[in-house]
Amino acid sequence: MDDLLALARLDAGVEPDRTLLDLGALARAESRRRQARVPVVVDADPDVPVLGNRLQLARAVVNLLANADRHASGKVLVTVRARGGKAVLTVTDDGPGVPPGERDRIFDRFTRLDAARSRDAGGSGLGLPIAREIANRHGGTLVVEDAPDGGAAFVLTLPLADQTAHEQDAGRRWARA
């Protein structure tokens, strides 16, 4: 039900408030909040600023963590880096990966691959589409690639915020997750 409500809000096109966030701090906070089936390691550079809606970005991170946890064999790794004017959050699992021919389809609403259905009776097929829509709404992208050591790597890329200019314009301080 939560997923359907999130989609309805996203489809309505209402732009939520945005604030300056540290993407690494957000990833660490969300990974600590959830009960994981396998160990989750977060390796985040300090101060990776993005301008976004905290609730939406947290939902995207949680959806990526839940997906990785569902498919991982033994571990999940989350990395957050600032690269070339972009904030890059990568959630990697050591599971079976996503076949190249299915990589776009998994972002379609209600899509669940046969392997996912056999491993997990839960899930709605909405988590990844919601995460991608949130990325798009924040001027970013979400793609899936092969993980270096097998498995899947979901790569969320967002524009890197200019923290100094934003603080001067908005008169705000960093929002720490």
N, C-alpha and C. Protein backbone atom coordinates (compact mmCIF):
# COMPACT_ATOMS: atom_id res chain seq x y z
N MET A 1 0.81 -1.18 0.00
CA MET A 1 0.00 0.00 0.00
C MET A 1 0.87 1.27 0.00
N ASP A 2 1.96 1.21 0.79
CA ASP A 2 2.88 2.36 0.84
C ASP A 2 3.46 2.67 -0.54
N ASP A 3 3.79 1.61 -1.28
CA ASP A 3 4.34 1.80 -2.62
C ASP A 3 3.34 2.48 -3.54
N LEU A 4 2.09 2.06 -3.48
CA LEU A 4 1.05 2.68 -4.33
C LEU A 4 0.85 4.15 -3.97
N LEU A 5 0.88 4.45 -2.68
CA LEU A 5 0.75 5.86 -2.27
C LEU A 5 1.95 6.68 -2.74
N ALA A 6 3.14 6.10 -2.65
CA ALA A 6 4.34 6.81 -3.12
C ALA A 6 4.24 7.08 -4.61
N LEU A 7 3.78 6.08 -5.38
CA LEU A 7 3.61 6.28 -6.83
C LEU A 7 2.58 7.36 -7.12
N ALA A 8 1.48 7.35 -6.39
CA ALA A 8 0.44 8.36 -6.61
C ALA A 8 0.99 9.76 -6.37
N ARG A 9 1.79 9.90 -5.31
CA ARG A 9 2.39 11.22 -5.02
C ARG A 9 3.36 11.63 -6.12
N LEU A 10 4.16 10.68 -6.58
CA LEU A 10 5.11 10.99 -7.65
C LEU A 10 4.37 11.32 -8.94
N ASP A 11 3.33 10.56 -9.25
CA ASP A 11 2.55 10.80 -10.47
C ASP A 11 1.82 12.14 -10.44
N ALA A 12 1.47 12.60 -9.24
CA ALA A 12 0.76 13.88 -9.11
C ALA A 12 1.65 15.05 -9.51
N GLY A 13 2.96 14.84 -9.49
CA GLY A 13 3.88 15.87 -9.94
C GLY A 13 4.10 17.00 -8.96
N VAL A 14 3.65 16.85 -7.74
CA VAL A 14 3.85 17.90 -6.73
C VAL A 14 5.33 17.89 -6.34
N GLU A 15 5.95 19.04 -6.41
CA GLU A 15 7.37 19.14 -6.06
C GLU A 15 7.50 19.37 -4.56
N PRO A 16 8.08 18.42 -3.85
CA PRO A 16 8.26 18.57 -2.40
C PRO A 16 9.41 19.52 -2.09
N ASP A 17 9.46 19.95 -0.85
CA ASP A 17 10.56 20.80 -0.40
C ASP A 17 11.88 20.05 -0.54
N ARG A 18 12.90 20.79 -0.88
CA ARG A 18 14.24 20.22 -1.00
C ARG A 18 15.18 20.95 -0.06
N THR A 19 16.13 20.20 0.43
CA THR A 19 17.12 20.75 1.34
C THR A 19 18.47 20.15 0.99
N LEU A 20 19.51 20.74 1.50
CA LEU A 20 20.85 20.24 1.28
C LEU A 20 21.09 19.03 2.18
N LEU A 21 21.45 17.89 1.57
CA LEU A 21 21.65 16.64 2.31
C LEU A 21 23.02 16.06 2.02
N ASP A 22 23.56 15.36 2.98
CA ASP A 22 24.77 14.59 2.79
C ASP A 22 24.32 13.18 2.40
N LEU A 23 24.53 12.79 1.14
CA LEU A 23 24.04 11.50 0.65
C LEU A 23 24.67 10.33 1.39
N GLY A 24 25.92 10.44 1.78
CA GLY A 24 26.57 9.38 2.54
C GLY A 24 25.95 9.20 3.92
N ALA A 25 25.66 10.31 4.59
CA ALA A 25 25.02 10.25 5.91
C ALA A 25 23.62 9.64 5.79
N LEU A 26 22.91 9.99 4.73
CA LEU A 26 21.58 9.42 4.50
C LEU A 26 21.68 7.91 4.29
N ALA A 27 22.64 7.46 3.50
CA ALA A 27 22.81 6.03 3.25
C ALA A 27 23.15 5.29 4.54
N ARG A 28 24.04 5.86 5.36
CA ARG A 28 24.39 5.22 6.63
C ARG A 28 23.18 5.13 7.54
N ALA A 29 22.43 6.22 7.64
CA ALA A 29 21.25 6.23 8.52
C ALA A 29 20.21 5.21 8.09
N GLU A 30 19.94 5.14 6.80
CA GLU A 30 18.91 4.20 6.31
C GLU A 30 19.37 2.76 6.43
N SER A 31 20.66 2.49 6.26
CA SER A 31 21.14 1.11 6.40
C SER A 31 21.07 0.67 7.86
N ARG A 32 21.27 1.59 8.80
CA ARG A 32 21.18 1.25 10.23
C ARG A 32 19.73 1.02 10.66
N ARG A 33 18.80 1.69 10.01
CA ARG A 33 17.39 1.62 10.39
C ARG A 33 16.73 0.29 10.07
N ARG A 34 17.21 -0.38 9.07
CA ARG A 34 16.49 -1.57 8.62
C ARG A 34 17.12 -2.85 9.13
N GLN A 35 16.29 -3.85 9.26
CA GLN A 35 16.74 -5.19 9.62
C GLN A 35 17.14 -5.90 8.34
N ALA A 36 18.39 -6.19 8.18
CA ALA A 36 18.88 -6.83 6.96
C ALA A 36 19.05 -8.32 7.16
N ARG A 37 18.83 -9.07 6.11
CA ARG A 37 19.02 -10.52 6.10
C ARG A 37 20.51 -10.86 6.03
N VAL A 38 21.28 -10.02 5.33
CA VAL A 38 22.72 -10.20 5.18
C VAL A 38 23.43 -8.93 5.65
N PRO A 39 24.72 -9.04 5.97
CA PRO A 39 25.45 -7.83 6.40
C PRO A 39 25.47 -6.75 5.31
N VAL A 40 25.34 -5.50 5.75
CA VAL A 40 25.40 -4.34 4.86
C VAL A 40 26.58 -3.48 5.31
N VAL A 41 27.48 -3.20 4.38
CA VAL A 41 28.62 -2.34 4.66
C VAL A 41 28.43 -1.05 3.86
N VAL A 42 28.56 0.09 4.55
CA VAL A 42 28.46 1.39 3.88
C VAL A 42 29.84 2.03 3.88
N ASP A 43 30.32 2.36 2.68
CA ASP A 43 31.61 3.02 2.49
C ASP A 43 31.31 4.35 1.79
N ALA A 44 31.18 5.40 2.59
CA ALA A 44 30.76 6.70 2.04
C ALA A 44 31.82 7.76 2.28
N ASP A 45 32.16 8.48 1.22
CA ASP A 45 33.01 9.64 1.38
C ASP A 45 32.29 10.66 2.25
N PRO A 46 33.01 11.46 3.01
CA PRO A 46 32.36 12.51 3.79
C PRO A 46 31.89 13.65 2.89
N ASP A 47 30.80 14.26 3.29
CA ASP A 47 30.30 15.46 2.62
C ASP A 47 30.09 15.29 1.12
N VAL A 48 29.11 14.47 0.77
CA VAL A 48 28.68 14.33 -0.62
C VAL A 48 27.30 15.01 -0.69
N PRO A 49 27.29 16.33 -0.98
CA PRO A 49 26.06 17.10 -0.87
C PRO A 49 25.15 16.99 -2.10
N VAL A 50 23.87 16.80 -1.84
CA VAL A 50 22.85 16.84 -2.88
C VAL A 50 21.71 17.72 -2.39
N LEU A 51 21.02 18.29 -3.33
CA LEU A 51 19.85 19.09 -3.01
C LEU A 51 18.64 18.22 -3.32
N GLY A 52 17.88 17.84 -2.29
CA GLY A 52 16.77 16.95 -2.54
C GLY A 52 15.80 16.87 -1.39
N ASN A 53 14.75 16.10 -1.63
CA ASN A 53 13.76 15.84 -0.60
C ASN A 53 14.22 14.64 0.20
N ARG A 54 14.44 14.83 1.49
CA ARG A 54 14.98 13.78 2.33
C ARG A 54 14.11 12.53 2.32
N LEU A 55 12.81 12.68 2.44
CA LEU A 55 11.92 11.52 2.49
C LEU A 55 11.96 10.72 1.19
N GLN A 56 11.95 11.42 0.07
CA GLN A 56 12.00 10.72 -1.21
C GLN A 56 13.34 10.02 -1.41
N LEU A 57 14.43 10.72 -1.14
CA LEU A 57 15.74 10.10 -1.33
C LEU A 57 15.95 8.94 -0.36
N ALA A 58 15.44 9.06 0.86
CA ALA A 58 15.52 7.95 1.81
C ALA A 58 14.74 6.75 1.28
N ARG A 59 13.57 6.99 0.70
CA ARG A 59 12.77 5.89 0.14
C ARG A 59 13.52 5.21 -1.00
N ALA A 60 14.18 5.99 -1.85
CA ALA A 60 14.96 5.40 -2.95
C ALA A 60 16.07 4.52 -2.38
N VAL A 61 16.79 5.00 -1.38
CA VAL A 61 17.87 4.23 -0.78
C VAL A 61 17.32 2.96 -0.12
N VAL A 62 16.23 3.09 0.62
CA VAL A 62 15.62 1.93 1.28
C VAL A 62 15.18 0.89 0.25
N ASN A 63 14.58 1.35 -0.85
CA ASN A 63 14.15 0.42 -1.90
C ASN A 63 15.34 -0.31 -2.52
N LEU A 64 16.44 0.39 -2.72
CA LEU A 64 17.63 -0.25 -3.27
C LEU A 64 18.24 -1.23 -2.27
N LEU A 65 18.24 -0.87 -0.99
CA LEU A 65 18.74 -1.77 0.04
C LEU A 65 17.87 -3.02 0.14
N ALA A 66 16.56 -2.85 0.10
CA ALA A 66 15.64 -3.99 0.20
C ALA A 66 15.84 -4.94 -0.99
N ASN A 67 15.99 -4.37 -2.17
CA ASN A 67 16.21 -5.19 -3.36
C ASN A 67 17.52 -5.97 -3.25
N ALA A 68 18.59 -5.30 -2.84
CA ALA A 68 19.88 -5.97 -2.70
C ALA A 68 19.83 -7.05 -1.63
N ASP A 69 19.18 -6.77 -0.52
CA ASP A 69 19.06 -7.74 0.56
C ASP A 69 18.28 -8.97 0.10
N ARG A 70 17.27 -8.76 -0.69
CA ARG A 70 16.43 -9.86 -1.20
C ARG A 70 17.23 -10.81 -2.10
N HIS A 71 18.18 -10.26 -2.86
CA HIS A 71 18.88 -11.06 -3.86
C HIS A 71 20.30 -11.44 -3.48
N ALA A 72 20.85 -10.86 -2.42
CA ALA A 72 22.23 -11.13 -2.03
C ALA A 72 22.40 -12.55 -1.52
N SER A 73 23.58 -13.10 -1.76
CA SER A 73 23.92 -14.41 -1.19
C SER A 73 24.47 -14.25 0.22
N GLY A 74 25.31 -13.22 0.42
CA GLY A 74 25.92 -13.09 1.73
C GLY A 74 26.28 -11.68 2.16
N LYS A 75 26.22 -10.71 1.24
CA LYS A 75 26.61 -9.35 1.63
C LYS A 75 26.04 -8.31 0.67
N VAL A 76 25.94 -7.08 1.19
CA VAL A 76 25.54 -5.91 0.41
C VAL A 76 26.55 -4.82 0.72
N LEU A 77 26.99 -4.13 -0.32
CA LEU A 77 27.93 -3.02 -0.16
C LEU A 77 27.28 -1.77 -0.74
N VAL A 78 27.32 -0.70 0.05
CA VAL A 78 26.83 0.60 -0.40
C VAL A 78 28.03 1.54 -0.43
N THR A 79 28.27 2.16 -1.59
CA THR A 79 29.32 3.16 -1.68
C THR A 79 28.70 4.49 -2.08
N VAL A 80 29.26 5.57 -1.56
CA VAL A 80 28.83 6.92 -1.92
C VAL A 80 30.09 7.72 -2.22
N ARG A 81 30.11 8.28 -3.43
CA ARG A 81 31.27 9.05 -3.87
C ARG A 81 30.82 10.32 -4.59
N ALA A 82 31.68 11.32 -4.58
CA ALA A 82 31.51 12.51 -5.41
C ALA A 82 32.46 12.35 -6.58
N ARG A 83 31.90 12.32 -7.81
CA ARG A 83 32.73 12.12 -9.01
C ARG A 83 32.25 13.01 -10.13
N GLY A 84 33.12 13.85 -10.62
CA GLY A 84 32.83 14.65 -11.80
C GLY A 84 31.55 15.47 -11.70
N GLY A 85 31.34 16.12 -10.58
CA GLY A 85 30.15 16.95 -10.42
C GLY A 85 28.89 16.17 -10.10
N LYS A 86 29.04 14.89 -9.84
CA LYS A 86 27.89 14.03 -9.53
C LYS A 86 28.09 13.34 -8.19
N ALA A 87 26.98 13.11 -7.51
CA ALA A 87 26.96 12.25 -6.33
C ALA A 87 26.55 10.88 -6.82
N VAL A 88 27.34 9.86 -6.48
CA VAL A 88 27.09 8.52 -6.98
C VAL A 88 26.95 7.56 -5.80
N LEU A 89 25.76 7.00 -5.66
CA LEU A 89 25.48 5.99 -4.65
C LEU A 89 25.30 4.66 -5.38
N THR A 90 26.09 3.67 -4.99
CA THR A 90 26.03 2.35 -5.62
C THR A 90 25.69 1.32 -4.56
N VAL A 91 24.66 0.53 -4.83
CA VAL A 91 24.27 -0.57 -3.95
C VAL A 91 24.57 -1.86 -4.70
N THR A 92 25.51 -2.63 -4.17
CA THR A 92 25.99 -3.84 -4.82
C THR A 92 25.63 -5.05 -3.97
N ASP A 93 25.15 -6.10 -4.63
CA ASP A 93 24.91 -7.37 -3.93
C ASP A 93 25.72 -8.46 -4.61
N ASP A 94 25.86 -9.58 -3.92
CA ASP A 94 26.62 -10.71 -4.46
C ASP A 94 25.70 -11.84 -4.92
N GLY A 95 24.50 -11.48 -5.33
CA GLY A 95 23.52 -12.46 -5.80
C GLY A 95 23.71 -12.80 -7.27
N PRO A 96 22.63 -13.28 -7.92
CA PRO A 96 22.74 -13.75 -9.29
C PRO A 96 22.86 -12.65 -10.35
N GLY A 97 22.67 -11.40 -9.98
CA GLY A 97 22.75 -10.32 -10.96
C GLY A 97 21.46 -10.20 -11.77
N VAL A 98 21.47 -9.28 -12.70
CA VAL A 98 20.32 -9.04 -13.57
C VAL A 98 20.78 -9.27 -15.01
N PRO A 99 20.12 -10.17 -15.73
CA PRO A 99 20.52 -10.42 -17.12
C PRO A 99 20.45 -9.13 -17.94
N PRO A 100 21.42 -8.91 -18.84
CA PRO A 100 21.44 -7.68 -19.64
C PRO A 100 20.11 -7.38 -20.34
N GLY A 101 19.43 -8.38 -20.83
CA GLY A 101 18.17 -8.16 -21.54
C GLY A 101 17.02 -7.73 -20.65
N GLU A 102 17.19 -7.83 -19.34
CA GLU A 102 16.12 -7.48 -18.39
C GLU A 102 16.39 -6.17 -17.65
N ARG A 103 17.50 -5.53 -17.92
CA ARG A 103 17.93 -4.39 -17.11
C ARG A 103 17.03 -3.17 -17.22
N ASP A 104 16.39 -2.97 -18.34
CA ASP A 104 15.44 -1.86 -18.43
C ASP A 104 14.08 -2.28 -17.89
N ARG A 105 13.72 -3.53 -18.15
CA ARG A 105 12.40 -4.02 -17.77
C ARG A 105 12.18 -4.03 -16.26
N ILE A 106 13.22 -4.24 -15.47
CA ILE A 106 13.02 -4.30 -14.01
C ILE A 106 12.59 -2.96 -13.42
N PHE A 107 12.72 -1.90 -14.20
CA PHE A 107 12.27 -0.58 -13.74
C PHE A 107 10.83 -0.27 -14.17
N ASP A 108 10.18 -1.23 -14.84
CA ASP A 108 8.76 -1.08 -15.18
C ASP A 108 7.92 -1.48 -13.97
N ARG A 109 6.83 -0.78 -13.77
CA ARG A 109 5.97 -1.06 -12.63
C ARG A 109 5.43 -2.49 -12.67
N PHE A 110 5.41 -3.10 -11.51
CA PHE A 110 4.88 -4.45 -11.27
C PHE A 110 5.68 -5.56 -11.94
N THR A 111 6.88 -5.26 -12.41
CA THR A 111 7.71 -6.28 -13.04
C THR A 111 8.53 -6.99 -11.98
N ARG A 112 8.46 -8.32 -12.02
CA ARG A 112 9.31 -9.16 -11.18
C ARG A 112 9.83 -10.27 -12.07
N LEU A 113 11.13 -10.44 -12.08
CA LEU A 113 11.72 -11.49 -12.90
C LEU A 113 11.42 -12.85 -12.29
N ASP A 114 11.40 -13.89 -13.11
CA ASP A 114 11.08 -15.24 -12.63
C ASP A 114 11.97 -15.65 -11.47
N ALA A 115 13.26 -15.36 -11.55
CA ALA A 115 14.16 -15.73 -10.46
C ALA A 115 13.75 -15.02 -9.17
N ALA A 116 13.33 -13.76 -9.26
CA ALA A 116 12.90 -13.02 -8.08
C ALA A 116 11.65 -13.64 -7.49
N ARG A 117 10.74 -14.07 -8.33
CA ARG A 117 9.50 -14.68 -7.84
C ARG A 117 9.78 -15.96 -7.08
N SER A 118 10.72 -16.76 -7.55
CA SER A 118 10.99 -18.03 -6.89
C SER A 118 11.71 -17.84 -5.56
N ARG A 119 12.49 -16.78 -5.42
CA ARG A 119 13.24 -16.55 -4.17
C ARG A 119 12.41 -15.87 -3.12
N ASP A 120 11.42 -15.07 -3.52
CA ASP A 120 10.75 -14.20 -2.57
C ASP A 120 9.28 -14.10 -2.90
N ALA A 121 8.45 -14.53 -1.99
CA ALA A 121 7.00 -14.45 -2.21
C ALA A 121 6.50 -13.03 -2.01
N GLY A 122 7.25 -12.18 -1.32
CA GLY A 122 6.83 -10.81 -1.08
C GLY A 122 7.25 -9.90 -2.21
N GLY A 123 7.10 -8.62 -1.99
CA GLY A 123 7.50 -7.65 -3.01
C GLY A 123 6.38 -7.40 -3.99
N SER A 124 6.33 -6.17 -4.45
CA SER A 124 5.23 -5.77 -5.33
C SER A 124 5.70 -5.47 -6.75
N GLY A 125 7.01 -5.41 -6.97
CA GLY A 125 7.51 -4.99 -8.27
C GLY A 125 7.43 -3.49 -8.44
N LEU A 126 7.36 -2.76 -7.31
CA LEU A 126 7.27 -1.29 -7.38
C LEU A 126 8.49 -0.58 -6.80
N GLY A 127 9.31 -1.27 -6.02
CA GLY A 127 10.44 -0.61 -5.35
C GLY A 127 11.43 0.02 -6.31
N LEU A 128 11.85 -0.73 -7.33
CA LEU A 128 12.82 -0.18 -8.28
C LEU A 128 12.22 0.91 -9.16
N PRO A 129 10.98 0.75 -9.66
CA PRO A 129 10.39 1.87 -10.42
C PRO A 129 10.25 3.15 -9.59
N ILE A 130 9.90 3.01 -8.31
CA ILE A 130 9.80 4.18 -7.45
C ILE A 130 11.18 4.82 -7.28
N ALA A 131 12.20 4.01 -7.02
CA ALA A 131 13.55 4.55 -6.85
C ALA A 131 14.01 5.28 -8.11
N ARG A 132 13.72 4.72 -9.29
CA ARG A 132 14.13 5.38 -10.53
C ARG A 132 13.37 6.68 -10.73
N GLU A 133 12.09 6.70 -10.43
CA GLU A 133 11.30 7.92 -10.59
C GLU A 133 11.81 9.01 -9.65
N ILE A 134 12.17 8.64 -8.43
CA ILE A 134 12.74 9.61 -7.48
C ILE A 134 14.06 10.15 -8.03
N ALA A 135 14.89 9.28 -8.56
CA ALA A 135 16.15 9.73 -9.15
C ALA A 135 15.88 10.72 -10.28
N ASN A 136 14.95 10.39 -11.17
CA ASN A 136 14.61 11.28 -12.28
C ASN A 136 14.11 12.62 -11.79
N ARG A 137 13.25 12.61 -10.78
CA ARG A 137 12.70 13.85 -10.24
C ARG A 137 13.76 14.73 -9.60
N HIS A 138 14.87 14.14 -9.24
CA HIS A 138 15.97 14.89 -8.64
C HIS A 138 17.08 15.20 -9.65
N GLY A 139 16.76 15.05 -10.93
CA GLY A 139 17.73 15.36 -11.98
C GLY A 139 18.80 14.30 -12.14
N GLY A 140 18.52 13.10 -11.65
CA GLY A 140 19.52 12.04 -11.69
C GLY A 140 19.09 10.84 -12.51
N THR A 141 19.82 9.75 -12.32
CA THR A 141 19.55 8.51 -13.03
C THR A 141 19.68 7.34 -12.07
N LEU A 142 19.09 6.22 -12.45
CA LEU A 142 19.27 4.96 -11.73
C LEU A 142 19.37 3.86 -12.78
N VAL A 143 20.50 3.16 -12.76
CA VAL A 143 20.74 2.06 -13.70
C VAL A 143 21.26 0.86 -12.93
N VAL A 144 21.22 -0.30 -13.58
CA VAL A 144 21.80 -1.51 -13.00
C VAL A 144 22.92 -1.99 -13.91
N GLU A 145 24.00 -2.43 -13.29
CA GLU A 145 25.18 -2.92 -14.00
C GLU A 145 25.61 -4.23 -13.35
N ASP A 146 26.57 -4.90 -13.97
CA ASP A 146 27.19 -6.06 -13.34
C ASP A 146 28.08 -5.56 -12.21
N ALA A 147 28.02 -6.24 -11.07
CA ALA A 147 28.94 -5.92 -9.98
C ALA A 147 30.31 -6.49 -10.34
N PRO A 148 31.38 -5.87 -9.87
CA PRO A 148 32.73 -6.34 -10.23
C PRO A 148 32.98 -7.81 -9.88
N ASP A 149 32.44 -8.28 -8.77
CA ASP A 149 32.68 -9.65 -8.33
C ASP A 149 31.45 -10.54 -8.51
N GLY A 150 30.60 -10.21 -9.45
CA GLY A 150 29.35 -10.94 -9.64
C GLY A 150 28.23 -10.23 -8.90
N GLY A 151 27.00 -10.53 -9.26
CA GLY A 151 25.87 -9.87 -8.64
C GLY A 151 25.47 -8.64 -9.41
N ALA A 152 24.69 -7.80 -8.76
CA ALA A 152 24.17 -6.59 -9.40
C ALA A 152 24.67 -5.36 -8.67
N ALA A 153 24.87 -4.28 -9.43
CA ALA A 153 25.25 -2.99 -8.88
C ALA A 153 24.22 -1.97 -9.38
N PHE A 154 23.42 -1.44 -8.46
CA PHE A 154 22.46 -0.39 -8.80
C PHE A 154 23.13 0.94 -8.53
N VAL A 155 23.22 1.78 -9.57
CA VAL A 155 23.98 3.03 -9.51
C VAL A 155 23.02 4.20 -9.61
N LEU A 156 22.88 4.92 -8.50
CA LEU A 156 22.05 6.12 -8.41
C LEU A 156 22.98 7.32 -8.53
N THR A 157 22.75 8.15 -9.55
CA THR A 157 23.58 9.33 -9.79
C THR A 157 22.70 10.56 -9.68
N LEU A 158 23.15 11.52 -8.87
CA LEU A 158 22.43 12.78 -8.66
C LEU A 158 23.39 13.95 -8.86
N PRO A 159 22.84 15.12 -9.21
CA PRO A 159 23.72 16.29 -9.31
C PRO A 159 24.33 16.61 -7.95
N LEU A 160 25.60 16.88 -7.94
CA LEU A 160 26.29 17.30 -6.72
C LEU A 160 25.91 18.75 -6.44
N ALA A 161 25.53 19.04 -5.21
CA ALA A 161 25.11 20.40 -4.85
C ALA A 161 26.32 21.23 -4.46
N ASP A 162 26.21 22.51 -4.69
CA ASP A 162 27.21 23.47 -4.23
C ASP A 162 26.77 23.91 -2.84
N GLN A 163 27.35 23.29 -1.82
CA GLN A 163 26.91 23.52 -0.45
C GLN A 163 27.07 24.98 -0.03
N THR A 164 28.15 25.62 -0.39
CA THR A 164 28.39 26.99 0.05
C THR A 164 27.37 27.95 -0.54
N ALA A 165 27.13 27.85 -1.84
CA ALA A 165 26.17 28.75 -2.48
C ALA A 165 24.77 28.52 -1.93
N HIS A 166 24.41 27.28 -1.71
CA HIS A 166 23.07 26.98 -1.20
C HIS A 166 22.89 27.52 0.21
N GLU A 167 23.89 27.35 1.06
CA GLU A 167 23.79 27.85 2.42
C GLU A 167 23.67 29.37 2.43
N GLN A 168 24.41 30.05 1.56
CA GLN A 168 24.34 31.51 1.51
C GLN A 168 22.97 31.96 1.01
N ASP A 169 22.46 31.31 -0.03
CA ASP A 169 21.16 31.70 -0.59
C ASP A 169 20.01 31.38 0.34
N ALA A 170 20.04 30.20 0.95
CA ALA A 170 18.91 29.75 1.75
C ALA A 170 19.07 30.08 3.23
N GLY A 171 20.29 30.43 3.62
CA GLY A 171 20.51 30.72 5.05
C GLY A 171 20.34 29.47 5.90
N ARG A 172 20.61 28.28 5.32
CA ARG A 172 20.43 27.02 6.03
C ARG A 172 21.77 26.34 6.25
N ARG A 173 21.76 25.40 7.15
CA ARG A 173 22.89 24.54 7.37
C ARG A 173 22.60 23.18 6.77
N TRP A 174 23.60 22.37 6.70
CA TRP A 174 23.43 20.99 6.18
C TRP A 174 22.35 20.27 6.96
N ALA A 175 21.59 19.49 6.27
CA ALA A 175 20.64 18.57 6.92
C ALA A 175 21.34 17.23 7.03
N ARG A 176 21.71 16.89 8.24
CA ARG A 176 22.41 15.62 8.47
C ARG A 176 21.38 14.54 8.71
N ALA A 177 21.54 13.43 8.00
CA ALA A 177 20.55 12.34 8.08
C ALA A 177 20.59 11.64 9.42
